[in-house]
Amino acid sequence: QVQLVESGGGLAQAGGSLRLSCAASGRTLSPYIMAWFRQAPGKEREFVAAITWNGANTDYADSVKGRFTISRENRKNMVYLQMNSLQPEDTAVYSCAGDLTRSYSSGIDSRMRYDKAYNYWGQGTQVTVSS
């Protein structure tokens, strides 16, 4: 059974930074696309970023492009989200997700921006940004 556990959330001031981590157990994540999504109160879950198995390709939502960076360390079975220049509208529960159905994908197509493309999810970590 695969488990994804996020950490690193918390309270930050506008303009500040946080680094989220996603630790996997039960199976190696190295062949698979991994992603971060977020859900703000009263809103639908939205795509934040995705990364291919080797980190060669990434995709970002327009709202975070240039501020957030997704990365991974396959030898540690970890995925990260570095969040800089945080804004109050970044306040949300951030969840790590994995598509463990397709291995060694070379690119990230538009389907990967939808939560139904992923079959494993973490429980989420709260990020709150104050103005």
C-alpha atoms as a PDB file:
ATOM      1  CA  GLN A   1       0.000   0.000   0.000  1.00  0.00           C
ATOM      2  CA  VAL A   2       1.405   3.362  -1.025  1.00  0.00           C
ATOM      3  CA  GLN A   3       1.302   6.181   1.461  1.00  0.00           C
ATOM      4  CA  LEU A   4       2.089   9.814   0.710  1.00  0.00           C
ATOM      5  CA  VAL A   5       2.702  12.116   3.657  1.00  0.00           C
ATOM      6  CA  GLU A   6       3.116  15.856   3.281  1.00  0.00           C
ATOM      7  CA  SER A   7       4.930  18.140   5.683  1.00  0.00           C
ATOM      8  CA  GLY A   8       6.301  21.650   5.826  1.00  0.00           C
ATOM      9  CA  GLY A   9       3.099  23.627   5.843  1.00  0.00           C
ATOM     10  CA  GLY A  10       2.425  26.405   8.294  1.00  0.00           C
ATOM     11  CA  LEU A  11       1.988  30.130   8.606  1.00  0.00           C
ATOM     12  CA  ALA A  12       3.952  32.566   6.465  1.00  0.00           C
ATOM     13  CA  GLN A  13       3.804  36.273   5.835  1.00  0.00           C
ATOM     14  CA  ALA A  14       3.167  37.674   2.403  1.00  0.00           C
ATOM     15  CA  GLY A  15       6.425  37.674   0.502  1.00  0.00           C
ATOM     16  CA  GLY A  16       7.777  34.812   2.546  1.00  0.00           C
ATOM     17  CA  SER A  17       8.712  31.253   1.654  1.00  0.00           C
ATOM     18  CA  LEU A  18       7.844  27.717   2.637  1.00  0.00           C
ATOM     19  CA  ARG A  19       9.090  24.351   1.436  1.00  0.00           C
ATOM     20  CA  LEU A  20       6.686  21.455   1.327  1.00  0.00           C
ATOM     21  CA  SER A  21       7.847  17.856   1.339  1.00  0.00           C
ATOM     22  CA  CYS A  22       6.056  14.682   0.283  1.00  0.00           C
ATOM     23  CA  ALA A  23       7.435  11.415   1.614  1.00  0.00           C
ATOM     24  CA  ALA A  24       6.363   8.143   0.077  1.00  0.00           C
ATOM     25  CA  SER A  25       6.357   4.684   1.567  1.00  0.00           C
ATOM     26  CA  GLY A  26       5.278   1.288   0.329  1.00  0.00           C
ATOM     27  CA  ARG A  27       6.496   1.721  -3.231  1.00  0.00           C
ATOM     28  CA  THR A  28       9.129   3.639  -5.123  1.00  0.00           C
ATOM     29  CA  LEU A  29       7.891   6.793  -6.832  1.00  0.00           C
ATOM     30  CA  SER A  30      10.852   7.064  -9.143  1.00  0.00           C
ATOM     31  CA  PRO A  31       9.128   5.946 -12.409  1.00  0.00           C
ATOM     32  CA  TYR A  32       6.071   8.148 -12.028  1.00  0.00           C
ATOM     33  CA  ILE A  33       4.771  11.661 -12.559  1.00  0.00           C
ATOM     34  CA  MET A  34       4.182  13.420  -9.248  1.00  0.00           C
ATOM     35  CA  ALA A  35       2.233  16.583  -8.620  1.00  0.00           C
ATOM     36  CA  TRP A  36       1.016  19.101  -6.090  1.00  0.00           C
ATOM     37  CA  PHE A  37      -2.562  20.315  -5.879  1.00  0.00           C
ATOM     38  CA  ARG A  38      -4.196  22.753  -3.491  1.00  0.00           C
ATOM     39  CA  GLN A  39      -7.663  23.450  -2.191  1.00  0.00           C
ATOM     40  CA  ALA A  40      -8.720  26.698  -0.599  1.00  0.00           C
ATOM     41  CA  PRO A  41     -11.822  26.935   1.608  1.00  0.00           C
ATOM     42  CA  GLY A  42     -14.969  26.950  -0.477  1.00  0.00           C
ATOM     43  CA  LYS A  43     -13.080  26.303  -3.699  1.00  0.00           C
ATOM     44  CA  GLU A  44     -12.390  23.284  -5.850  1.00  0.00           C
ATOM     45  CA  ARG A  45      -9.044  21.544  -5.739  1.00  0.00           C
ATOM     46  CA  GLU A  46      -6.671  23.037  -8.295  1.00  0.00           C
ATOM     47  CA  PHE A  47      -3.462  21.977  -9.979  1.00  0.00           C
ATOM     48  CA  VAL A  48      -0.258  23.614  -8.788  1.00  0.00           C
ATOM     49  CA  ALA A  49       2.689  21.768 -10.364  1.00  0.00           C
ATOM     50  CA  ALA A  50       3.819  18.435 -11.799  1.00  0.00           C
ATOM     51  CA  ILE A  51       7.157  16.775 -12.501  1.00  0.00           C
ATOM     52  CA  THR A  52       8.222  13.844 -14.661  1.00  0.00           C
ATOM     53  CA  TRP A  53       9.974  10.799 -13.255  1.00  0.00           C
ATOM     54  CA  ASN A  54      13.472  12.159 -13.857  1.00  0.00           C
ATOM     55  CA  GLY A  55      12.729  15.816 -13.187  1.00  0.00           C
ATOM     56  CA  ALA A  56      13.477  16.747 -16.781  1.00  0.00           C
ATOM     57  CA  ASN A  57      10.045  18.245 -17.386  1.00  0.00           C
ATOM     58  CA  THR A  58       7.812  20.291 -15.135  1.00  0.00           C
ATOM     59  CA  ASP A  59       4.491  22.070 -15.477  1.00  0.00           C
ATOM     60  CA  TYR A  60       3.069  24.884 -13.395  1.00  0.00           C
ATOM     61  CA  ALA A  61      -0.232  26.635 -12.989  1.00  0.00           C
ATOM     62  CA  ASP A  62      -0.025  30.196 -14.271  1.00  0.00           C
ATOM     63  CA  SER A  63      -0.810  31.504 -10.796  1.00  0.00           C
ATOM     64  CA  VAL A  64       2.407  30.060  -9.327  1.00  0.00           C
ATOM     65  CA  LYS A  65       4.765  30.125 -12.299  1.00  0.00           C
ATOM     66  CA  GLY A  66       7.986  31.899 -11.424  1.00  0.00           C
ATOM     67  CA  ARG A  67       7.297  31.677  -7.680  1.00  0.00           C
ATOM     68  CA  PHE A  68       7.000  27.934  -6.989  1.00  0.00           C
ATOM     69  CA  THR A  69       9.426  25.156  -7.898  1.00  0.00           C
ATOM     70  CA  ILE A  70       8.663  21.444  -7.875  1.00  0.00           C
ATOM     71  CA  SER A  71      11.522  18.984  -7.487  1.00  0.00           C
ATOM     72  CA  ARG A  72      12.171  15.405  -6.471  1.00  0.00           C
ATOM     73  CA  GLU A  73      14.819  13.141  -4.989  1.00  0.00           C
ATOM     74  CA  ASN A  74      14.103   9.663  -6.240  1.00  0.00           C
ATOM     75  CA  ARG A  75      16.767   8.017  -4.094  1.00  0.00           C
ATOM     76  CA  LYS A  76      14.925   9.360  -1.053  1.00  0.00           C
ATOM     77  CA  ASN A  77      11.450   8.773  -2.476  1.00  0.00           C
ATOM     78  CA  MET A  78      10.661  12.450  -1.886  1.00  0.00           C
ATOM     79  CA  VAL A  79       8.930  15.240  -3.798  1.00  0.00           C
ATOM     80  CA  TYR A  80       9.208  18.913  -2.848  1.00  0.00           C
ATOM     81  CA  LEU A  81       7.468  22.207  -3.523  1.00  0.00           C
ATOM     82  CA  GLN A  82       9.501  25.335  -2.866  1.00  0.00           C
ATOM     83  CA  MET A  83       7.139  28.271  -2.533  1.00  0.00           C
ATOM     84  CA  ASN A  84       8.563  31.793  -2.707  1.00  0.00           C
ATOM     85  CA  SER A  85       6.935  35.206  -2.787  1.00  0.00           C
ATOM     86  CA  LEU A  86       3.882  33.768  -1.077  1.00  0.00           C
ATOM     87  CA  GLN A  87       0.639  35.696  -1.319  1.00  0.00           C
ATOM     88  CA  PRO A  88      -2.540  35.470   0.774  1.00  0.00           C
ATOM     89  CA  GLU A  89      -4.299  33.824  -2.182  1.00  0.00           C
ATOM     90  CA  ASP A  90      -1.865  30.902  -1.859  1.00  0.00           C
ATOM     91  CA  THR A  91      -3.601  29.949   1.392  1.00  0.00           C
ATOM     92  CA  ALA A  92      -4.894  26.403   0.974  1.00  0.00           C
ATOM     93  CA  VAL A  93      -4.418  22.773   1.889  1.00  0.00           C
ATOM     94  CA  TYR A  94      -1.638  21.442  -0.324  1.00  0.00           C
ATOM     95  CA  SER A  95      -1.675  17.787  -1.323  1.00  0.00           C
ATOM     96  CA  CYS A  96       0.862  15.588  -3.003  1.00  0.00           C
ATOM     97  CA  ALA A  97      -0.406  13.250  -5.722  1.00  0.00           C
ATOM     98  CA  GLY A  98       1.048  10.474  -7.840  1.00  0.00           C
ATOM     99  CA  ASP A  99       0.070   8.839 -11.102  1.00  0.00           C
ATOM    100  CA  LEU A 100       1.338   5.332 -10.449  1.00  0.00           C
ATOM    101  CA  THR A 101      -0.365   3.865 -13.508  1.00  0.00           C
ATOM    102  CA  ARG A 102       2.078   5.034 -16.173  1.00  0.00           C
ATOM    103  CA  SER A 103       5.827   4.784 -15.821  1.00  0.00           C
ATOM    104  CA  TYR A 104       8.661   6.735 -17.404  1.00  0.00           C
ATOM    105  CA  SER A 105       6.511   9.310 -19.147  1.00  0.00           C
ATOM    106  CA  SER A 106       8.759  11.773 -20.966  1.00  0.00           C
ATOM    107  CA  GLY A 107       6.311  14.654 -20.890  1.00  0.00           C
ATOM    108  CA  ILE A 108       3.419  16.126 -18.969  1.00  0.00           C
ATOM    109  CA  ASP A 109       0.266  16.477 -21.041  1.00  0.00           C
ATOM    110  CA  SER A 110      -2.774  18.544 -20.169  1.00  0.00           C
ATOM    111  CA  ARG A 111      -4.513  15.586 -18.507  1.00  0.00           C
ATOM    112  CA  MET A 112      -2.040  15.830 -15.659  1.00  0.00           C
ATOM    113  CA  ARG A 113      -3.587  19.118 -14.581  1.00  0.00           C
ATOM    114  CA  TYR A 114      -6.701  17.271 -13.451  1.00  0.00           C
ATOM    115  CA  ASP A 115      -6.976  15.401 -10.186  1.00  0.00           C
ATOM    116  CA  LYS A 116      -8.608  12.377 -11.822  1.00  0.00           C
ATOM    117  CA  ALA A 117      -5.265  11.616 -13.508  1.00  0.00           C
ATOM    118  CA  TYR A 118      -3.758  10.658 -10.140  1.00  0.00           C
ATOM    119  CA  ASN A 119      -4.465   7.524  -8.179  1.00  0.00           C
ATOM    120  CA  TYR A 120      -2.578   8.199  -4.956  1.00  0.00           C
ATOM    121  CA  TRP A 121      -2.955  11.189  -2.651  1.00  0.00           C
ATOM    122  CA  GLY A 122      -1.577  12.428   0.590  1.00  0.00           C
ATOM    123  CA  GLN A 123      -3.737  13.857   3.346  1.00  0.00           C
ATOM    124  CA  GLY A 124      -2.555  17.406   2.770  1.00  0.00           C
ATOM    125  CA  THR A 125      -0.764  20.099   4.714  1.00  0.00           C
ATOM    126  CA  GLN A 126      -2.190  23.528   5.539  1.00  0.00           C
ATOM    127  CA  VAL A 127      -0.464  26.628   4.218  1.00  0.00           C
ATOM    128  CA  THR A 128      -1.683  29.975   5.520  1.00  0.00           C
ATOM    129  CA  VAL A 129      -0.284  33.256   4.219  1.00  0.00           C
ATOM    130  CA  SER A 130      -1.018  36.431   6.120  1.00  0.00           C
ATOM    131  CA  SER A 131      -0.995  39.884   4.545  1.00  0.00           C
END
